[in-house]
């Protein structure tokens, strides 16, 4: 083998290595800068499925100093919380129409993109929540948030159940009891 043949093989291997590292770096970057957050809200006394949900419940996500990082509203039918982006609003209403309209699907994808970037900016700072429902306000309730980012390195796989742009997926369950109510005004 000539020296130029060896150099060409090394160049090819370097190009392949750079491409692989670039693909993996993009996956890691995307999963770090884009997040989803599923939050369920359980209020004592509503555990029985025959008990109707309380009136609208609002949730404020707080940092360790008590500053509001984000707001959410509990779904009127189920116990999960819709996050409300400060500029783009609640993507859930747009999502409902996405199955029936190409324009609505495009709007939902844009809203989700904005929301996923926004969530990644504050999720790591959440230390507690305020929950207001009906005449009850529960202040600075602790919250534990779980994170999953296990498949960021597989984002490039062309398979409907594996690939796709990676996100850091966060989840939390907020459990509050009405006996912890204080005055009913959110700050």
C-alpha atoms as a PDB file:
ATOM      1  CA  UNK A   1       0.000   0.000   0.000  1.00  0.00           C
ATOM      2  CA  UNK A   2       1.283   3.409  -0.921  1.00  0.00           C
ATOM      3  CA  UNK A   3       1.568   6.240   1.493  1.00  0.00           C
ATOM      4  CA  UNK A   4      -1.152   8.239  -0.309  1.00  0.00           C
ATOM      5  CA  UNK A   5      -3.527   5.223  -0.085  1.00  0.00           C
ATOM      6  CA  UNK A   6      -2.965   5.078   3.676  1.00  0.00           C
ATOM      7  CA  UNK A   7      -3.523   8.844   4.012  1.00  0.00           C
ATOM      8  CA  UNK A   8      -6.775   8.570   2.032  1.00  0.00           C
ATOM      9  CA  UNK A   9      -8.050   5.832   4.370  1.00  0.00           C
ATOM     10  CA  UNK A  10      -7.194   7.932   7.411  1.00  0.00           C
ATOM     11  CA  UNK A  11      -9.039  10.918   5.892  1.00  0.00           C
ATOM     12  CA  UNK A  12     -12.101   8.781   5.214  1.00  0.00           C
ATOM     13  CA  UNK A  13     -12.036   7.443   8.785  1.00  0.00           C
ATOM     14  CA  UNK A  14     -11.676  10.978  10.147  1.00  0.00           C
ATOM     15  CA  UNK A  15     -14.616  12.209   8.055  1.00  0.00           C
ATOM     16  CA  UNK A  16     -16.752   9.281   9.268  1.00  0.00           C
ATOM     17  CA  UNK A  17     -15.743   9.970  12.885  1.00  0.00           C
ATOM     18  CA  UNK A  18     -16.571  13.684  12.534  1.00  0.00           C
ATOM     19  CA  UNK A  19     -19.976  12.887  11.015  1.00  0.00           C
ATOM     20  CA  UNK A  20     -20.806  10.382  13.775  1.00  0.00           C
ATOM     21  CA  UNK A  21     -19.685  12.780  16.513  1.00  0.00           C
ATOM     22  CA  UNK A  22     -21.657  15.627  14.909  1.00  0.00           C
ATOM     23  CA  UNK A  23     -24.823  13.522  14.777  1.00  0.00           C
ATOM     24  CA  UNK A  24     -24.409  12.498  18.411  1.00  0.00           C
ATOM     25  CA  UNK A  25     -23.549  16.061  19.483  1.00  0.00           C
ATOM     26  CA  UNK A  26     -26.709  17.370  17.808  1.00  0.00           C
ATOM     27  CA  UNK A  27     -28.800  14.752  19.624  1.00  0.00           C
ATOM     28  CA  UNK A  28     -27.280  15.657  22.971  1.00  0.00           C
ATOM     29  CA  UNK A  29     -27.656  19.400  22.326  1.00  0.00           C
ATOM     30  CA  UNK A  30     -31.292  19.034  21.259  1.00  0.00           C
ATOM     31  CA  UNK A  31     -32.178  16.929  24.291  1.00  0.00           C
ATOM     32  CA  UNK A  32     -30.550  19.511  26.547  1.00  0.00           C
ATOM     33  CA  UNK A  33     -32.239  22.542  24.992  1.00  0.00           C
ATOM     34  CA  UNK A  34     -35.712  21.051  24.330  1.00  0.00           C
ATOM     35  CA  UNK A  35     -37.925  19.537  27.026  1.00  0.00           C
ATOM     36  CA  UNK A  36     -41.412  18.259  27.647  1.00  0.00           C
ATOM     37  CA  UNK A  37     -43.065  18.323  31.055  1.00  0.00           C
ATOM     38  CA  UNK A  38     -46.024  16.181  32.104  1.00  0.00           C
ATOM     39  CA  UNK A  39     -47.591  17.273  35.379  1.00  0.00           C
ATOM     40  CA  UNK A  40     -50.512  15.601  37.110  1.00  0.00           C
ATOM     41  CA  UNK A  41     -52.395  17.311  39.917  1.00  0.00           C
ATOM     42  CA  UNK A  42     -54.072  15.266  42.633  1.00  0.00           C
ATOM     43  CA  UNK A  43     -56.260  17.044  45.156  1.00  0.00           C
ATOM     44  CA  UNK A  44     -57.310  15.114  48.266  1.00  0.00           C
ATOM     45  CA  UNK A  45     -61.006  14.304  48.111  1.00  0.00           C
ATOM     46  CA  UNK A  46     -60.992  13.866  44.346  1.00  0.00           C
ATOM     47  CA  UNK A  47     -59.475  10.384  44.405  1.00  0.00           C
ATOM     48  CA  UNK A  48     -62.888   8.795  43.853  1.00  0.00           C
ATOM     49  CA  UNK A  49     -63.559   8.713  40.108  1.00  0.00           C
ATOM     50  CA  UNK A  50     -67.223   9.540  40.828  1.00  0.00           C
ATOM     51  CA  UNK A  51     -66.227  12.819  42.460  1.00  0.00           C
ATOM     52  CA  UNK A  52     -66.215  15.643  39.909  1.00  0.00           C
ATOM     53  CA  UNK A  53     -63.012  17.662  39.587  1.00  0.00           C
ATOM     54  CA  UNK A  54     -62.843  20.918  41.507  1.00  0.00           C
ATOM     55  CA  UNK A  55     -63.271  24.134  39.587  1.00  0.00           C
ATOM     56  CA  UNK A  56     -60.353  25.252  37.481  1.00  0.00           C
ATOM     57  CA  UNK A  57     -57.058  24.779  39.253  1.00  0.00           C
ATOM     58  CA  UNK A  58     -54.096  27.039  38.568  1.00  0.00           C
ATOM     59  CA  UNK A  59     -50.497  26.094  39.260  1.00  0.00           C
ATOM     60  CA  UNK A  60     -47.473  28.350  39.619  1.00  0.00           C
ATOM     61  CA  UNK A  61     -44.031  26.764  39.427  1.00  0.00           C
ATOM     62  CA  UNK A  62     -41.628  28.528  41.809  1.00  0.00           C
ATOM     63  CA  UNK A  63     -37.881  28.750  42.202  1.00  0.00           C
ATOM     64  CA  UNK A  64     -36.140  28.516  45.590  1.00  0.00           C
ATOM     65  CA  UNK A  65     -36.755  32.240  46.231  1.00  0.00           C
ATOM     66  CA  UNK A  66     -40.494  31.906  45.561  1.00  0.00           C
ATOM     67  CA  UNK A  67     -40.375  33.642  42.163  1.00  0.00           C
ATOM     68  CA  UNK A  68     -42.832  32.389  39.554  1.00  0.00           C
ATOM     69  CA  UNK A  69     -41.061  30.543  36.734  1.00  0.00           C
ATOM     70  CA  UNK A  70     -44.131  29.295  34.867  1.00  0.00           C
ATOM     71  CA  UNK A  71     -47.905  29.007  35.089  1.00  0.00           C
ATOM     72  CA  UNK A  72     -50.212  26.143  34.327  1.00  0.00           C
ATOM     73  CA  UNK A  73     -53.897  25.268  34.367  1.00  0.00           C
ATOM     74  CA  UNK A  74     -55.365  21.874  35.198  1.00  0.00           C
ATOM     75  CA  UNK A  75     -57.324  20.209  32.432  1.00  0.00           C
ATOM     76  CA  UNK A  76     -61.058  20.518  33.018  1.00  0.00           C
ATOM     77  CA  UNK A  77     -61.657  16.815  32.407  1.00  0.00           C
ATOM     78  CA  UNK A  78     -58.499  15.088  33.609  1.00  0.00           C
ATOM     79  CA  UNK A  79     -55.879  15.696  36.270  1.00  0.00           C
ATOM     80  CA  UNK A  80     -52.964  16.908  34.149  1.00  0.00           C
ATOM     81  CA  UNK A  81     -51.668  20.462  33.990  1.00  0.00           C
ATOM     82  CA  UNK A  82     -51.344  22.433  30.751  1.00  0.00           C
ATOM     83  CA  UNK A  83     -48.349  24.749  30.801  1.00  0.00           C
ATOM     84  CA  UNK A  84     -49.079  28.246  29.552  1.00  0.00           C
ATOM     85  CA  UNK A  85     -46.198  29.774  27.577  1.00  0.00           C
ATOM     86  CA  UNK A  86     -45.939  33.522  28.329  1.00  0.00           C
ATOM     87  CA  UNK A  87     -45.985  34.490  24.632  1.00  0.00           C
ATOM     88  CA  UNK A  88     -47.519  31.495  22.831  1.00  0.00           C
ATOM     89  CA  UNK A  89     -50.144  30.432  25.370  1.00  0.00           C
ATOM     90  CA  UNK A  90     -51.486  26.935  25.937  1.00  0.00           C
ATOM     91  CA  UNK A  91     -50.600  24.496  23.142  1.00  0.00           C
ATOM     92  CA  UNK A  92     -53.281  22.048  24.287  1.00  0.00           C
ATOM     93  CA  UNK A  93     -56.152  23.841  22.548  1.00  0.00           C
ATOM     94  CA  UNK A  94     -54.197  23.917  19.280  1.00  0.00           C
ATOM     95  CA  UNK A  95     -53.271  20.258  19.731  1.00  0.00           C
ATOM     96  CA  UNK A  96     -56.941  19.230  19.859  1.00  0.00           C
ATOM     97  CA  UNK A  97     -57.458  20.486  16.300  1.00  0.00           C
ATOM     98  CA  UNK A  98     -54.140  19.144  14.945  1.00  0.00           C
ATOM     99  CA  UNK A  99     -55.607  15.764  13.997  1.00  0.00           C
ATOM    100  CA  UNK A 100     -58.146  17.376  11.681  1.00  0.00           C
ATOM    101  CA  UNK A 101     -56.259  20.149   9.923  1.00  0.00           C
ATOM    102  CA  UNK A 102     -52.841  20.534   8.334  1.00  0.00           C
ATOM    103  CA  UNK A 103     -52.758  24.224   9.348  1.00  0.00           C
ATOM    104  CA  UNK A 104     -53.633  23.324  12.940  1.00  0.00           C
ATOM    105  CA  UNK A 105     -50.931  20.629  12.948  1.00  0.00           C
ATOM    106  CA  UNK A 106     -48.373  23.175  11.739  1.00  0.00           C
ATOM    107  CA  UNK A 107     -49.548  25.641  14.420  1.00  0.00           C
ATOM    108  CA  UNK A 108     -49.281  22.958  17.084  1.00  0.00           C
ATOM    109  CA  UNK A 109     -45.754  21.983  15.971  1.00  0.00           C
ATOM    110  CA  UNK A 110     -44.681  25.647  16.160  1.00  0.00           C
ATOM    111  CA  UNK A 111     -46.289  26.081  19.578  1.00  0.00           C
ATOM    112  CA  UNK A 112     -44.699  22.861  20.872  1.00  0.00           C
ATOM    113  CA  UNK A 113     -41.281  23.941  19.562  1.00  0.00           C
ATOM    114  CA  UNK A 114     -41.537  27.267  21.437  1.00  0.00           C
ATOM    115  CA  UNK A 115     -42.837  25.573  24.561  1.00  0.00           C
ATOM    116  CA  UNK A 116     -40.158  22.848  24.565  1.00  0.00           C
ATOM    117  CA  UNK A 117     -37.355  25.421  24.346  1.00  0.00           C
ATOM    118  CA  UNK A 118     -39.022  27.547  27.055  1.00  0.00           C
ATOM    119  CA  UNK A 119     -39.451  24.597  29.458  1.00  0.00           C
ATOM    120  CA  UNK A 120     -35.746  23.752  29.189  1.00  0.00           C
ATOM    121  CA  UNK A 121     -34.844  27.263  30.420  1.00  0.00           C
ATOM    122  CA  UNK A 122     -36.599  27.005  33.810  1.00  0.00           C
ATOM    123  CA  UNK A 123     -37.347  23.359  34.645  1.00  0.00           C
ATOM    124  CA  UNK A 124     -34.089  22.831  36.524  1.00  0.00           C
ATOM    125  CA  UNK A 125     -34.884  25.705  38.900  1.00  0.00           C
ATOM    126  CA  UNK A 126     -38.307  24.504  40.118  1.00  0.00           C
ATOM    127  CA  UNK A 127     -38.373  24.106  43.904  1.00  0.00           C
ATOM    128  CA  UNK A 128     -42.088  24.296  44.720  1.00  0.00           C
ATOM    129  CA  UNK A 129     -45.570  25.138  43.480  1.00  0.00           C
ATOM    130  CA  UNK A 130     -48.534  27.280  44.411  1.00  0.00           C
ATOM    131  CA  UNK A 131     -51.878  25.607  43.670  1.00  0.00           C
ATOM    132  CA  UNK A 132     -55.155  27.514  43.600  1.00  0.00           C
ATOM    133  CA  UNK A 133     -58.465  25.763  43.100  1.00  0.00           C
ATOM    134  CA  UNK A 134     -61.816  27.142  44.066  1.00  0.00           C
ATOM    135  CA  UNK A 135     -61.385  29.124  47.275  1.00  0.00           C
ATOM    136  CA  UNK A 136     -58.285  27.206  48.283  1.00  0.00           C
ATOM    137  CA  UNK A 137     -54.659  28.286  47.852  1.00  0.00           C
ATOM    138  CA  UNK A 138     -51.786  26.045  48.812  1.00  0.00           C
ATOM    139  CA  UNK A 139     -48.520  27.966  48.891  1.00  0.00           C
ATOM    140  CA  UNK A 140     -45.031  26.690  48.128  1.00  0.00           C
ATOM    141  CA  UNK A 141     -45.895  23.003  48.135  1.00  0.00           C
ATOM    142  CA  UNK A 142     -42.812  20.854  47.499  1.00  0.00           C
ATOM    143  CA  UNK A 143     -42.484  19.087  44.161  1.00  0.00           C
ATOM    144  CA  UNK A 144     -40.252  16.288  42.944  1.00  0.00           C
ATOM    145  CA  UNK A 145     -39.522  16.264  39.240  1.00  0.00           C
ATOM    146  CA  UNK A 146     -38.273  13.175  37.415  1.00  0.00           C
ATOM    147  CA  UNK A 147     -36.172  13.404  34.261  1.00  0.00           C
ATOM    148  CA  UNK A 148     -35.667  10.972  31.426  1.00  0.00           C
ATOM    149  CA  UNK A 149     -33.211  11.559  28.613  1.00  0.00           C
ATOM    150  CA  UNK A 150     -32.203   8.017  27.884  1.00  0.00           C
ATOM    151  CA  UNK A 151     -32.429   7.857  24.098  1.00  0.00           C
ATOM    152  CA  UNK A 152     -30.845  11.072  22.855  1.00  0.00           C
ATOM    153  CA  UNK A 153     -28.150   9.099  21.013  1.00  0.00           C
ATOM    154  CA  UNK A 154     -30.779   7.209  18.950  1.00  0.00           C
ATOM    155  CA  UNK A 155     -32.482  10.272  17.465  1.00  0.00           C
ATOM    156  CA  UNK A 156     -31.144   9.590  13.980  1.00  0.00           C
ATOM    157  CA  UNK A 157     -32.610   6.036  13.699  1.00  0.00           C
ATOM    158  CA  UNK A 158     -35.256   6.026  10.912  1.00  0.00           C
ATOM    159  CA  UNK A 159     -37.882   4.116  12.879  1.00  0.00           C
ATOM    160  CA  UNK A 160     -41.216   5.549  14.062  1.00  0.00           C
ATOM    161  CA  UNK A 161     -40.838   4.232  17.615  1.00  0.00           C
ATOM    162  CA  UNK A 162     -37.163   4.974  18.134  1.00  0.00           C
ATOM    163  CA  UNK A 163     -35.967   7.972  16.140  1.00  0.00           C
ATOM    164  CA  UNK A 164     -37.022  11.587  16.061  1.00  0.00           C
ATOM    165  CA  UNK A 165     -35.569  14.649  17.643  1.00  0.00           C
ATOM    166  CA  UNK A 166     -34.732  13.924  21.272  1.00  0.00           C
ATOM    167  CA  UNK A 167     -36.236  15.797  24.219  1.00  0.00           C
ATOM    168  CA  UNK A 168     -35.564  15.697  27.924  1.00  0.00           C
ATOM    169  CA  UNK A 169     -38.820  14.387  29.331  1.00  0.00           C
ATOM    170  CA  UNK A 170     -39.788  15.610  32.776  1.00  0.00           C
ATOM    171  CA  UNK A 171     -42.712  14.497  34.884  1.00  0.00           C
ATOM    172  CA  UNK A 172     -44.141  15.323  38.276  1.00  0.00           C
ATOM    173  CA  UNK A 173     -47.185  14.589  40.367  1.00  0.00           C
ATOM    174  CA  UNK A 174     -48.417  17.364  42.613  1.00  0.00           C
ATOM    175  CA  UNK A 175     -50.442  16.095  45.557  1.00  0.00           C
ATOM    176  CA  UNK A 176     -52.206  18.685  47.698  1.00  0.00           C
ATOM    177  CA  UNK A 177     -54.723  18.554  50.497  1.00  0.00           C
ATOM    178  CA  UNK A 178     -57.382  21.197  51.093  1.00  0.00           C
ATOM    179  CA  UNK A 179     -56.539  21.228  54.816  1.00  0.00           C
ATOM    180  CA  UNK A 180     -53.354  23.090  53.801  1.00  0.00           C
ATOM    181  CA  UNK A 181     -55.319  26.028  52.320  1.00  0.00           C
ATOM    182  CA  UNK A 182     -54.410  29.632  53.144  1.00  0.00           C
ATOM    183  CA  UNK A 183     -55.837  32.874  51.753  1.00  0.00           C
ATOM    184  CA  UNK A 184     -56.953  32.453  48.183  1.00  0.00           C
ATOM    185  CA  UNK A 185     -54.983  35.051  46.229  1.00  0.00           C
ATOM    186  CA  UNK A 186     -52.103  34.106  43.971  1.00  0.00           C
ATOM    187  CA  UNK A 187     -49.278  36.651  43.980  1.00  0.00           C
END
